[in-house]
Amino acid sequence: MAVQQNRVSKLEISIVLIFTTIMLSAGGCKAPEPASSDSGSGGGGASCEVSASAVVASKMPGTNLHGKVQLDKFLLGQSPQAGALQKGSQAFVPAGTRLSMAIDRACASQPENASGFFSHEIQASLVSQPSLQIHAKKVIYSSLELHDAHSVAELEDLADQDPCLLKLGVDMQLKTTAVFSDPLAINQAHLSSIGYSSAYDGFFGANGITGEIVVAVIDTGMELTHPDLSANVWVNTSEVDGDSIDNDGNGYVDDVNGYNFVDNDGDPTPITTSGPHDISQHGTMVAGLLAARSNNSVGVVGIMGTNVKIMALNVFGDQEGSNLSDVDEAIQYAVDNGADVINLSLGAQGTSVTTQMAIQNAVSSGVVVLAATGNSYLHLSPSVWMTPASYAVGINGMISVGANYSDSKQITYYSNYSSDYVELAAPGSETYGSSGNEGLLTTANTNMYARVEGTSMSSPVAAGAAALTIGLIRARGGSPTPAQVESLLIGSATRVDGLVGYVKGCKSLNASTLYNQVNLQYPAP
C-alpha cells in the first residue's frame, strides 16, 4: 500500500493532512445496528460488579453441625433475575434461575449429610470426582439451576435445612471490561500492541475514571451521527442549535458540536473535498481511533472510548489543504471552550511562528497537544522542520508522535523520524504488507469502517492515552499539567531497541505500564 507523501515548502501557507491510502475492510464493513440501552447479560455495557444487593439469600457462619458454624440466614436487596427480595418474602424466584452456593467441603464429603437440597449434588460429585477433595480446600463454590419456582421463604427454609450450605446467592454472568463487546475489536491489533486490554480495568474499573475528558480533533471534521461516535460527541450546552444566534457570546454562531473554520458555520461534519484526493474521511477515522464508543456492541474501540467528548473542529472544508490561520484559530477555540487534549493529525514541512504561539498558549492554559510527525520518511532536524510536530521539542506538554508497527514495534517505512524531534512512537500500521491489513481499523464516513495507516493514526492513539491519564489523575483528586502528562506517557513507554535513531529514547506507547505509573503516583483512596 503506497503512502501518499505530502511535501510543502516553507513558502506555502496551507497545511496538508498527514494522510495515507484508505482501504475498506472486508469488502466494506457496515456498522451493526446500535445496541439496546438494556444492559442485561447479553449486552456489552460497563463492567458488572458483585455487590450485596445481588444476593438472594445468605447465611452467615457461626457454628455448623460440627460446632463451628451457627447458620443465621437472611435476605438481601435485589437481583436482576429475581427482582426485589425481602426476608421471609413469598415473592417467587422463577424456575431457571441459577443460584450460586458455598458448601462446607468437610461436611459435604460425609454421605450422611447428603440430604440437603443444595449440597446433595456436591456430595455426589465429591464421590465421583476425587479431585474435588484435593482442590476444593475448605469451601466448594458451585451453582444450581432451579427447576421449579420457589418463594424466597421456601429458599430460606431449604437453606436452613441444609447442614453443609454456607452461603446462597443468585448466580450471574459477569463481563470483564477488558474483553469488548464491540464486534470488530478483535481486528484491532494495535490495542494488544500497547497493552490496552490489561490496562482497561484499571482506567475504567473501580477507582477509575469518573468525569468526562474533552478532546478536540482539529481535522476534516467528523461524522457526528456515526453509531460508534455519536454518543461521544461534545455538546456546547450554552448554544442553541440552528437559531443563527451566538447564544454563549463566544464569537461563533451555532457551534453546538464544534465548528467549520473554512465555511465559518457551526457544522463541522466532513465535506467531500475537491481535487484528486477526497480526504473527507480523515477526521472521522482519527476520531474513531481516539474515541470510538467502547462496549456498545457496535464496531470498534477507541482508546478513550468512554468518559470522553469529541470536539469536532473542521479546518479543511472542501479543500485538500488547510490555512495556518484556520488551524491556529481552531487551537484557540479548543482552549477557550474547555478542551483537555488537542489532536493535530496534520502538518507541513516549514515553520510557523503563529502556530507555535497558538500551541504554546494552549499548553500554558493546561491543554495537552499531540501532533503527528508526517509520512515522508524524513529525518527531522532544525533544517527539516514539520509544523506543528517539530515544535514539541521546545514545548513541554506537547508530544510529537511517530508511527511504528503493532506487531514488531519497529518504525514504519513512511514515518518521519528523529532521536530529537520525534518523542513517542505509537501504532500507525498493524504490520508491513500483510495482505491488506496494514492499516489500523477505525470508523469512516457513512457509518462505515476502514483500515488506514500513517502517523495521522499514531497521534490519536497517543492522544487517547493522554486523555486516559488526565481522567484517572482527576478521578484520584489530582490536577495534572500538560508537562506531567507528557512525562507520564513518555516515562512509562516501552524502550524498543529497534527505534534507536528514530524516536527519542526509543520509546513506544504502553498503556499498561502507563496505568501502573499513574496508579503509583496517584494511588486509589
Protein backbone atom coordinates (compact mmCIF):
# COMPACT_ATOMS: atom_id res chain seq x y z
CA MET A 1 0.00 0.00 0.00
CA ALA A 2 1.67 3.17 -1.13
CA VAL A 3 1.91 6.12 1.18
CA GLN A 4 0.83 9.50 -0.09
CA GLN A 5 3.67 11.87 0.74
CA ASN A 6 2.74 15.50 1.20
CA ARG A 7 5.72 17.83 0.89
CA VAL A 8 5.09 21.54 1.28
CA SER A 9 7.71 24.26 1.01
CA LYS A 10 8.23 26.86 3.72
CA LEU A 11 6.65 29.49 1.48
CA GLU A 12 3.30 27.75 1.34
CA ILE A 13 0.75 28.73 3.96
CA SER A 14 -1.54 25.70 3.78
CA ILE A 15 -1.16 22.66 5.99
CA VAL A 16 -2.00 19.33 4.39
CA LEU A 17 -3.16 16.19 6.10
CA ILE A 18 -0.61 13.63 7.15
CA PHE A 19 -2.68 11.06 5.34
CA THR A 20 -2.34 7.72 3.62
CA THR A 21 -4.33 5.41 1.40
CA ILE A 22 -7.67 4.19 2.78
CA MET A 23 -8.96 0.67 2.25
CA LEU A 24 -12.41 -0.53 3.23
CA SER A 25 -12.16 -3.60 5.44
CA ALA A 26 -13.63 -6.93 4.43
CA GLY A 27 -15.41 -5.67 1.38
CA GLY A 28 -16.95 -2.67 3.10
CA CYS A 29 -17.90 -3.16 6.70
CA LYS A 30 -21.24 -1.63 7.52
CA ALA A 31 -21.96 -0.69 11.09
CA PRO A 32 -24.15 -3.05 13.08
CA GLU A 33 -27.37 -1.70 14.48
CA PRO A 34 -26.80 0.33 17.66
CA ALA A 35 -27.01 -1.71 20.83
CA SER A 36 -30.08 -1.53 23.00
CA SER A 37 -29.83 0.53 26.14
CA ASP A 38 -30.77 -2.59 28.07
CA SER A 39 -27.66 -3.75 29.94
CA GLY A 40 -28.79 -7.30 30.56
CA SER A 41 -26.50 -10.30 30.43
CA GLY A 42 -26.48 -10.37 26.65
CA GLY A 43 -25.30 -6.77 26.29
CA GLY A 44 -21.84 -5.35 26.30
CA GLY A 45 -22.09 -2.47 28.70
CA ALA A 46 -19.90 -1.41 31.56
CA SER A 47 -18.28 -3.83 33.94
CA CYS A 48 -20.58 -5.81 36.20
CA GLU A 49 -19.53 -5.93 39.82
CA VAL A 50 -20.89 -8.21 42.52
CA SER A 51 -22.46 -6.45 45.47
CA ALA A 52 -24.59 -7.38 48.44
CA SER A 53 -27.67 -6.20 46.59
CA ALA A 54 -27.24 -9.06 44.13
CA VAL A 55 -27.60 -11.73 46.79
CA VAL A 56 -30.89 -13.58 47.12
CA ALA A 57 -30.20 -15.37 50.37
CA SER A 58 -27.18 -15.71 52.59
CA LYS A 59 -26.28 -17.47 55.76
CA MET A 60 -23.60 -16.13 58.00
CA PRO A 61 -21.10 -18.56 59.53
CA GLY A 62 -21.46 -19.25 63.26
CA THR A 63 -21.47 -23.00 64.17
CA ASN A 64 -22.19 -25.82 61.75
CA LEU A 65 -23.14 -29.31 62.87
CA HIS A 66 -19.51 -29.82 63.82
CA GLY A 67 -19.91 -26.96 66.31
CA LYS A 68 -18.17 -24.42 64.11
CA VAL A 69 -20.92 -22.52 62.30
CA GLN A 70 -24.22 -21.09 63.50
CA LEU A 71 -26.44 -20.55 60.47
CA ASP A 72 -28.10 -17.15 60.73
CA LYS A 73 -29.89 -16.73 57.43
CA PHE A 74 -31.25 -13.53 55.94
CA LEU A 75 -32.24 -11.98 52.61
CA LEU A 76 -30.62 -9.03 50.92
CA GLY A 77 -31.72 -6.49 48.35
CA GLN A 78 -32.46 -7.43 44.78
CA SER A 79 -31.11 -9.38 41.85
CA PRO A 80 -31.53 -8.95 38.07
CA GLN A 81 -33.14 -12.37 37.79
CA ALA A 82 -35.31 -12.46 40.89
CA GLY A 83 -36.22 -8.82 41.42
CA ALA A 84 -36.57 -7.15 44.81
CA LEU A 85 -36.41 -9.60 47.70
CA GLN A 86 -37.06 -9.33 51.41
CA LYS A 87 -36.51 -11.78 54.22
CA GLY A 88 -39.39 -14.24 54.52
CA SER A 89 -40.98 -12.94 51.32
CA GLN A 90 -43.49 -15.05 49.43
CA ALA A 91 -42.23 -13.50 46.16
CA PHE A 92 -41.17 -16.22 43.77
CA VAL A 93 -37.71 -16.78 42.39
CA PRO A 94 -38.56 -18.16 38.93
CA ALA A 95 -37.64 -21.56 37.53
CA GLY A 96 -34.43 -21.46 35.53
CA THR A 97 -32.71 -19.09 37.98
CA ARG A 98 -29.19 -20.24 38.75
CA LEU A 99 -28.11 -19.99 42.36
CA SER A 100 -24.51 -19.76 43.45
CA MET A 101 -23.53 -21.78 46.51
CA ALA A 102 -20.72 -22.02 49.00
CA ILE A 103 -20.60 -25.52 50.52
CA ASP A 104 -18.59 -26.73 53.52
CA ARG A 105 -16.35 -29.37 51.89
CA ALA A 106 -15.74 -31.44 55.01
CA CYS A 107 -19.45 -31.55 55.73
CA ALA A 108 -20.49 -32.42 52.17
CA SER A 109 -17.91 -35.19 51.91
CA GLN A 110 -19.84 -37.17 54.51
CA PRO A 111 -22.58 -39.36 52.91
CA GLU A 112 -24.87 -38.92 55.90
CA ASN A 113 -25.09 -35.19 55.13
CA ALA A 114 -26.23 -35.66 51.53
CA SER A 115 -29.88 -34.96 52.25
CA GLY A 116 -29.52 -31.18 51.96
CA PHE A 117 -31.35 -29.65 48.98
CA PHE A 118 -28.30 -27.66 47.87
CA SER A 119 -25.39 -29.86 48.91
CA HIS A 120 -26.82 -33.16 47.60
CA GLU A 121 -25.28 -32.78 44.14
CA ILE A 122 -21.99 -31.59 45.62
CA GLN A 123 -21.78 -34.68 47.81
CA ALA A 124 -22.33 -36.91 44.76
CA SER A 125 -19.66 -35.01 42.86
CA LEU A 126 -17.16 -35.49 45.67
CA VAL A 127 -17.69 -39.24 45.46
CA SER A 128 -17.46 -39.40 41.66
CA GLN A 129 -14.66 -36.82 41.32
CA PRO A 130 -11.93 -37.43 43.92
CA SER A 131 -10.00 -34.46 42.53
CA LEU A 132 -12.52 -32.16 44.21
CA GLN A 133 -11.31 -33.50 47.54
CA ILE A 134 -7.83 -32.25 46.68
CA HIS A 135 -8.53 -28.91 45.01
CA ALA A 136 -11.55 -27.77 46.98
CA LYS A 137 -9.86 -26.94 50.31
CA LYS A 138 -12.43 -25.83 52.91
CA VAL A 139 -15.17 -24.43 50.70
CA ILE A 140 -16.65 -25.64 47.41
CA TYR A 141 -18.17 -22.98 45.17
CA SER A 142 -20.76 -24.24 42.73
CA SER A 143 -24.10 -23.36 41.16
CA LEU A 144 -27.53 -24.94 40.88
CA GLU A 145 -30.39 -24.24 38.47
CA LEU A 146 -33.88 -24.12 39.99
CA HIS A 147 -36.12 -26.49 38.02
CA ASP A 148 -39.21 -25.10 39.77
CA ALA A 149 -40.14 -21.69 41.09
CA HIS A 150 -39.61 -21.18 44.82
CA SER A 151 -40.61 -18.38 47.10
CA VAL A 152 -37.88 -16.58 48.98
CA ALA A 153 -39.25 -18.01 52.22
CA GLU A 154 -39.02 -21.54 50.77
CA LEU A 155 -35.42 -20.98 49.76
CA GLU A 156 -34.71 -19.76 53.28
CA ASP A 157 -36.19 -22.91 54.75
CA LEU A 158 -34.28 -25.14 52.33
CA ALA A 159 -31.08 -23.33 53.20
CA ASP A 160 -31.77 -23.72 56.93
CA GLN A 161 -32.29 -27.44 56.47
CA ASP A 162 -29.08 -27.99 54.53
CA PRO A 163 -26.33 -28.74 57.07
CA CYS A 164 -23.48 -28.04 54.64
CA LEU A 165 -24.61 -24.85 52.92
CA LEU A 166 -22.63 -21.76 53.93
CA LYS A 167 -23.90 -19.12 51.51
CA LEU A 168 -26.50 -18.88 48.81
CA GLY A 169 -26.97 -16.22 46.15
CA VAL A 170 -28.03 -15.63 42.57
CA ASP A 171 -25.50 -16.78 40.02
CA MET A 172 -24.88 -14.04 37.45
CA GLN A 173 -22.96 -13.82 34.21
CA LEU A 174 -20.15 -11.32 34.75
CA LYS A 175 -18.42 -9.46 31.97
CA THR A 176 -14.83 -8.31 32.09
CA THR A 177 -14.37 -4.75 30.93
CA ALA A 178 -11.21 -5.75 29.11
CA VAL A 179 -12.93 -8.05 26.63
CA PHE A 180 -15.03 -5.82 24.46
CA SER A 181 -18.50 -6.40 23.09
CA ASP A 182 -17.55 -4.31 20.07
CA PRO A 183 -17.54 -6.94 17.29
CA LEU A 184 -14.61 -5.51 15.32
CA ALA A 185 -12.31 -5.00 18.31
CA ILE A 186 -10.76 -8.41 17.67
CA ASN A 187 -9.37 -6.96 14.42
CA GLN A 188 -7.69 -4.03 16.17
CA ALA A 189 -4.21 -5.42 16.76
CA HIS A 190 -2.92 -2.06 17.93
CA LEU A 191 -4.93 -2.46 21.14
CA SER A 192 -2.98 -5.51 22.22
CA SER A 193 0.24 -3.94 20.95
CA ILE A 194 0.01 -1.18 23.55
CA GLY A 195 -1.30 -3.44 26.33
CA TYR A 196 -4.69 -1.76 26.27
CA SER A 197 -6.87 -4.65 27.44
CA SER A 198 -4.84 -5.25 30.58
CA ALA A 199 -4.96 -1.51 31.39
CA TYR A 200 -8.67 -1.02 30.72
CA ASP A 201 -9.94 -2.33 34.05
CA GLY A 202 -7.55 -0.03 35.87
CA PHE A 203 -8.58 3.07 33.98
CA PHE A 204 -12.33 2.36 33.93
CA GLY A 205 -13.00 -0.07 36.77
CA ALA A 206 -13.45 0.63 40.47
CA ASN A 207 -11.48 3.74 41.47
CA GLY A 208 -11.11 4.53 37.77
CA ILE A 209 -12.10 7.46 35.58
CA THR A 210 -15.37 9.14 36.53
CA GLY A 211 -15.52 12.55 34.83
CA GLU A 212 -15.52 13.37 31.13
CA ILE A 213 -12.45 14.45 29.17
CA VAL A 214 -12.92 16.77 26.19
CA VAL A 215 -10.67 16.07 23.20
CA ALA A 216 -10.53 18.47 20.26
CA VAL A 217 -9.93 16.80 16.90
CA ILE A 218 -8.67 19.52 14.55
CA ASP A 219 -9.07 17.85 11.18
CA THR A 220 -11.53 17.41 8.30
CA GLY A 221 -14.49 17.30 10.65
CA MET A 222 -16.27 14.24 11.93
CA GLU A 223 -19.41 12.29 11.08
CA LEU A 224 -21.42 13.21 14.15
CA THR A 225 -24.11 10.58 13.57
CA HIS A 226 -21.79 7.59 13.19
CA PRO A 227 -23.17 4.89 15.53
CA ASP A 228 -19.74 4.38 17.07
CA LEU A 229 -19.13 8.10 17.67
CA SER A 230 -22.48 9.80 18.25
CA ALA A 231 -22.63 9.05 21.99
CA ASN A 232 -19.21 10.66 22.48
CA VAL A 233 -19.82 13.91 20.60
CA TRP A 234 -19.13 17.11 22.53
CA VAL A 235 -22.14 19.37 23.10
CA ASN A 236 -21.91 23.08 23.78
CA THR A 237 -24.86 23.30 26.16
CA SER A 238 -24.79 27.11 26.11
CA GLU A 239 -25.59 27.24 22.39
CA VAL A 240 -28.99 26.73 20.73
CA ASP A 241 -28.73 24.69 17.56
CA GLY A 242 -29.96 26.32 14.35
CA ASP A 243 -31.17 29.67 15.69
CA SER A 244 -28.37 31.64 13.94
CA ILE A 245 -27.53 33.40 17.21
CA ASP A 246 -24.29 33.35 19.15
CA ASN A 247 -26.06 32.37 22.36
CA ASP A 248 -22.97 31.95 24.51
CA GLY A 249 -21.22 35.02 23.14
CA ASN A 250 -18.04 33.16 22.25
CA GLY A 251 -17.92 34.64 18.76
CA TYR A 252 -19.20 31.53 16.97
CA VAL A 253 -22.79 31.00 15.87
CA ASP A 254 -24.49 27.62 16.35
CA ASP A 255 -21.28 25.90 17.46
CA VAL A 256 -23.15 23.11 19.21
CA ASN A 257 -20.73 20.24 18.44
CA GLY A 258 -17.76 22.17 17.10
CA TYR A 259 -17.12 24.48 14.16
CA ASN A 260 -16.16 24.71 10.49
CA PHE A 261 -13.43 27.35 10.30
CA VAL A 262 -13.36 27.37 6.50
CA ASP A 263 -17.06 27.98 5.92
CA ASN A 264 -17.48 29.90 9.19
CA ASP A 265 -20.50 27.94 10.34
CA GLY A 266 -21.46 25.60 13.15
CA ASP A 267 -21.49 22.42 11.04
CA PRO A 268 -18.20 20.53 11.49
CA THR A 269 -19.25 17.46 9.51
CA PRO A 270 -16.94 16.32 6.68
CA ILE A 271 -17.31 17.76 3.18
CA THR A 272 -16.21 15.88 0.07
CA THR A 273 -13.00 17.63 -0.95
CA SER A 274 -12.15 18.94 -4.39
CA GLY A 275 -9.01 17.80 -6.18
CA PRO A 276 -7.62 14.35 -6.94
CA HIS A 277 -7.89 13.02 -3.39
CA ASP A 278 -11.02 13.07 -1.25
CA ILE A 279 -9.71 13.43 2.29
CA SER A 280 -13.07 13.94 3.96
CA GLN A 281 -12.84 10.53 5.72
CA HIS A 282 -9.75 11.53 7.64
CA GLY A 283 -11.26 13.28 10.66
CA THR A 284 -13.81 10.54 11.27
CA MET A 285 -11.01 7.97 11.15
CA VAL A 286 -8.88 9.92 13.61
CA ALA A 287 -11.85 10.36 15.95
CA GLY A 288 -12.60 6.62 15.88
CA LEU A 289 -9.11 5.56 16.93
CA LEU A 290 -9.18 8.09 19.72
CA ALA A 291 -12.74 7.81 20.99
CA ALA A 292 -15.00 5.26 19.28
CA ARG A 293 -17.50 4.16 21.91
CA SER A 294 -16.32 1.10 23.82
CA ASN A 295 -18.51 -1.81 24.97
CA ASN A 296 -21.54 -0.63 22.99
CA SER A 297 -21.79 -3.83 20.89
CA VAL A 298 -21.02 -1.73 17.81
CA GLY A 299 -17.93 -1.65 15.62
CA VAL A 300 -14.55 -0.77 17.08
CA VAL A 301 -12.97 0.52 20.29
CA GLY A 302 -11.32 3.89 20.76
CA ILE A 303 -8.51 4.32 23.28
CA MET A 304 -10.65 6.75 25.29
CA GLY A 305 -13.91 5.01 24.37
CA THR A 306 -15.95 6.21 27.32
CA ASN A 307 -15.95 9.23 29.65
CA VAL A 308 -14.96 11.33 26.64
CA LYS A 309 -16.43 14.04 24.42
CA ILE A 310 -15.03 14.77 20.96
CA MET A 311 -14.98 18.42 19.89
CA ALA A 312 -15.04 18.32 16.08
CA LEU A 313 -13.15 21.25 14.52
CA ASN A 314 -13.11 21.26 10.71
CA VAL A 315 -10.20 23.25 9.27
CA PHE A 316 -10.35 21.82 5.72
CA GLY A 317 -13.88 22.40 4.49
CA ASP A 318 -13.95 21.07 0.93
CA GLN A 319 -10.24 21.69 0.30
CA GLU A 320 -7.27 19.32 0.43
CA GLY A 321 -5.22 21.85 2.37
CA SER A 322 -5.88 23.95 5.44
CA ASN A 323 -4.71 27.50 6.08
CA LEU A 324 -2.48 28.05 9.06
CA SER A 325 -4.78 30.78 10.30
CA ASP A 326 -7.70 28.34 10.46
CA VAL A 327 -5.60 25.82 12.39
CA ASP A 328 -4.36 28.48 14.79
CA GLU A 329 -7.91 29.73 15.35
CA ALA A 330 -9.15 26.20 15.95
CA ILE A 331 -6.46 25.65 18.57
CA GLN A 332 -7.55 28.81 20.34
CA TYR A 333 -11.21 27.79 20.08
CA ALA A 334 -10.40 24.44 21.71
CA VAL A 335 -8.63 26.20 24.57
CA ASP A 336 -11.43 28.72 25.11
CA ASN A 337 -14.17 26.10 25.03
CA GLY A 338 -12.84 23.58 27.52
CA ALA A 339 -10.72 21.06 25.62
CA ASP A 340 -8.34 18.98 27.74
CA VAL A 341 -6.47 17.43 24.80
CA ILE A 342 -5.90 18.60 21.21
CA ASN A 343 -5.01 16.19 18.41
CA LEU A 344 -3.31 17.52 15.27
CA SER A 345 -3.02 14.80 12.62
CA LEU A 346 -1.90 17.30 10.02
CA GLY A 347 1.30 19.04 9.05
CA ALA A 348 3.59 20.62 6.51
CA GLN A 349 7.31 20.96 6.04
CA GLY A 350 8.11 24.51 7.11
CA THR A 351 7.86 26.84 10.09
CA SER A 352 5.04 28.93 11.52
CA VAL A 353 5.54 31.30 14.43
CA THR A 354 1.78 31.81 14.78
CA THR A 355 1.13 28.10 15.15
CA GLN A 356 3.97 27.87 17.62
CA MET A 357 2.36 30.68 19.63
CA ALA A 358 -1.10 29.07 19.48
CA ILE A 359 0.27 25.75 20.74
CA GLN A 360 2.35 27.39 23.45
CA ASN A 361 -0.74 29.26 24.64
CA ALA A 362 -2.73 26.03 24.66
CA VAL A 363 -0.17 24.22 26.78
CA SER A 364 0.19 27.21 29.10
CA SER A 365 -3.62 27.08 29.50
CA GLY A 366 -3.48 23.45 30.62
CA VAL A 367 -4.23 21.66 27.34
CA VAL A 368 -2.11 18.70 26.21
CA VAL A 369 -1.28 18.85 22.48
CA LEU A 370 -0.30 15.86 20.33
CA ALA A 371 0.84 16.11 16.73
CA ALA A 372 1.68 13.60 14.01
CA THR A 373 5.22 13.81 12.65
CA GLY A 374 4.49 13.10 8.96
CA ASN A 375 4.82 10.33 6.40
CA SER A 376 7.73 11.26 4.14
CA TYR A 377 10.38 9.16 5.90
CA LEU A 378 12.36 12.31 6.54
CA HIS A 379 14.97 12.81 9.22
CA LEU A 380 13.57 15.76 11.11
CA SER A 381 16.05 18.40 12.21
CA PRO A 382 16.32 22.19 12.56
CA SER A 383 16.63 22.37 8.78
CA VAL A 384 13.89 19.79 8.10
CA TRP A 385 11.06 21.19 10.19
CA MET A 386 7.48 19.91 10.41
CA THR A 387 4.74 22.24 11.55
CA PRO A 388 3.25 21.63 14.02
CA ALA A 389 5.03 18.47 15.25
CA SER A 390 8.60 19.79 15.45
CA TYR A 391 7.59 22.46 17.96
CA ALA A 392 7.17 19.72 20.57
CA VAL A 393 10.94 19.70 21.07
CA GLY A 394 10.73 23.07 22.80
CA ILE A 395 7.26 22.89 24.39
CA ASN A 396 6.92 20.74 27.49
CA GLY A 397 3.37 19.44 27.35
CA MET A 398 3.25 18.91 23.59
CA ILE A 399 4.13 15.47 22.21
CA SER A 400 5.24 14.63 18.67
CA VAL A 401 4.16 11.13 17.63
CA GLY A 402 5.73 8.88 15.01
CA ALA A 403 4.38 5.59 13.68
CA ASN A 404 5.54 2.08 14.42
CA TYR A 405 4.09 -1.34 13.59
CA SER A 406 1.70 -3.00 16.00
CA ASP A 407 3.45 -6.36 15.78
CA SER A 408 7.18 -5.57 15.74
CA LYS A 409 7.03 -2.05 17.23
CA GLN A 410 9.66 -1.04 14.67
CA ILE A 411 9.42 2.29 12.86
CA THR A 412 7.18 2.17 9.80
CA TYR A 413 8.53 2.61 6.28
CA TYR A 414 6.91 6.04 5.99
CA SER A 415 7.17 7.70 9.40
CA ASN A 416 9.35 10.78 9.71
CA TYR A 417 11.96 10.09 12.35
CA SER A 418 14.48 11.71 14.68
CA SER A 419 16.09 10.96 18.02
CA ASP A 420 15.31 14.57 18.97
CA TYR A 421 12.15 15.69 17.18
CA VAL A 422 10.04 12.50 17.46
CA GLU A 423 9.22 11.99 21.12
CA LEU A 424 6.99 8.90 21.11
CA ALA A 425 6.05 6.05 18.78
CA ALA A 426 2.53 4.63 18.62
CA PRO A 427 0.93 2.15 16.21
CA GLY A 428 0.26 3.63 12.79
CA SER A 429 0.17 0.33 10.88
CA GLU A 430 -0.65 -3.18 12.01
CA THR A 431 2.09 -4.97 10.11
CA TYR A 432 4.02 -4.44 6.92
CA GLY A 433 2.47 -5.82 3.70
CA SER A 434 0.06 -8.31 5.29
CA SER A 435 -2.50 -8.86 2.54
CA GLY A 436 -4.31 -5.60 3.04
CA ASN A 437 -4.24 -5.50 6.84
CA GLU A 438 -1.55 -2.86 7.02
CA GLY A 439 -3.76 -0.05 8.38
CA LEU A 440 -5.49 0.36 11.72
CA LEU A 441 -9.20 -0.43 11.69
CA THR A 442 -11.35 2.55 12.59
CA THR A 443 -14.56 4.44 11.87
CA ALA A 444 -15.23 6.00 8.45
CA ASN A 445 -17.92 8.19 6.93
CA THR A 446 -21.42 6.91 6.06
CA ASN A 447 -21.48 4.54 9.06
CA MET A 448 -18.59 2.53 7.67
CA TYR A 449 -15.30 1.17 8.99
CA ALA A 450 -11.98 1.22 7.18
CA ARG A 451 -8.29 0.48 7.56
CA VAL A 452 -5.86 3.38 7.28
CA GLU A 453 -2.20 3.83 8.13
CA GLY A 454 0.03 6.80 8.81
CA THR A 455 1.33 8.96 11.62
CA SER A 456 -2.13 10.56 11.43
CA MET A 457 -3.34 7.37 13.12
CA SER A 458 -0.50 7.16 15.64
CA SER A 459 -1.26 10.58 17.05
CA PRO A 460 -4.89 9.89 18.12
CA VAL A 461 -3.84 6.58 19.68
CA ALA A 462 -1.41 8.54 21.84
CA ALA A 463 -3.96 11.33 22.35
CA GLY A 464 -6.36 8.74 23.73
CA ALA A 465 -3.67 7.65 26.18
CA ALA A 466 -3.20 11.28 27.24
CA ALA A 467 -6.94 11.51 27.89
CA LEU A 468 -6.81 8.32 29.97
CA THR A 469 -4.01 9.82 32.05
CA ILE A 470 -5.84 13.08 32.70
CA GLY A 471 -9.07 11.29 33.53
CA LEU A 472 -7.52 8.91 36.07
CA ILE A 473 -5.46 11.59 37.81
CA ARG A 474 -8.53 13.80 38.17
CA ALA A 475 -10.55 10.89 39.50
CA ARG A 476 -7.86 10.45 42.15
CA GLY A 477 -8.09 14.12 43.15
CA GLY A 478 -5.15 15.46 41.14
CA SER A 479 -4.88 18.33 38.64
CA PRO A 480 -2.33 17.23 36.03
CA THR A 481 -0.39 19.75 33.98
CA PRO A 482 0.42 19.04 30.32
CA ALA A 483 4.07 18.62 31.30
CA GLN A 484 3.11 15.93 33.84
CA VAL A 485 1.01 14.12 31.26
CA GLU A 486 3.87 14.15 28.76
CA SER A 487 6.26 12.90 31.42
CA LEU A 488 3.95 10.01 32.30
CA LEU A 489 3.28 8.97 28.70
CA ILE A 490 6.94 9.01 27.70
CA GLY A 491 8.30 7.80 31.04
CA SER A 492 6.03 4.75 31.02
CA ALA A 493 6.62 3.91 27.36
CA THR A 494 8.48 0.72 26.47
CA ARG A 495 12.03 1.04 25.21
CA VAL A 496 12.37 -0.68 21.84
CA ASP A 497 15.98 -1.06 20.73
CA GLY A 498 14.90 -1.09 17.09
CA LEU A 499 13.79 2.54 17.46
CA VAL A 500 17.32 3.79 18.09
CA GLY A 501 17.87 6.85 15.94
CA TYR A 502 14.18 7.01 15.01
CA VAL A 503 12.47 8.04 18.27
CA LYS A 504 13.82 9.94 21.25
CA GLY A 505 14.68 7.44 23.96
CA CYS A 506 13.40 4.64 21.67
CA LYS A 507 10.01 4.96 23.40
CA SER A 508 6.89 3.06 22.24
CA LEU A 509 3.49 3.76 23.85
CA ASN A 510 2.43 1.27 26.53
CA ALA A 511 -1.00 1.76 28.13
CA SER A 512 -0.44 -0.98 30.71
CA THR A 513 2.71 0.49 32.22
CA LEU A 514 1.14 3.94 31.87
CA TYR A 515 -1.65 2.86 34.20
CA ASN A 516 0.86 1.39 36.64
CA GLN A 517 2.82 4.65 36.80
CA VAL A 518 -0.27 6.83 37.20
CA ASN A 519 -1.62 4.49 39.87
CA LEU A 520 1.71 4.60 41.70
CA GLN A 521 1.85 8.40 41.73
CA TYR A 522 -1.89 8.83 42.36
CA PRO A 523 -2.98 5.78 44.35
CA ALA A 524 -6.63 4.89 44.81
CA PRO A 525 -8.13 6.14 48.07
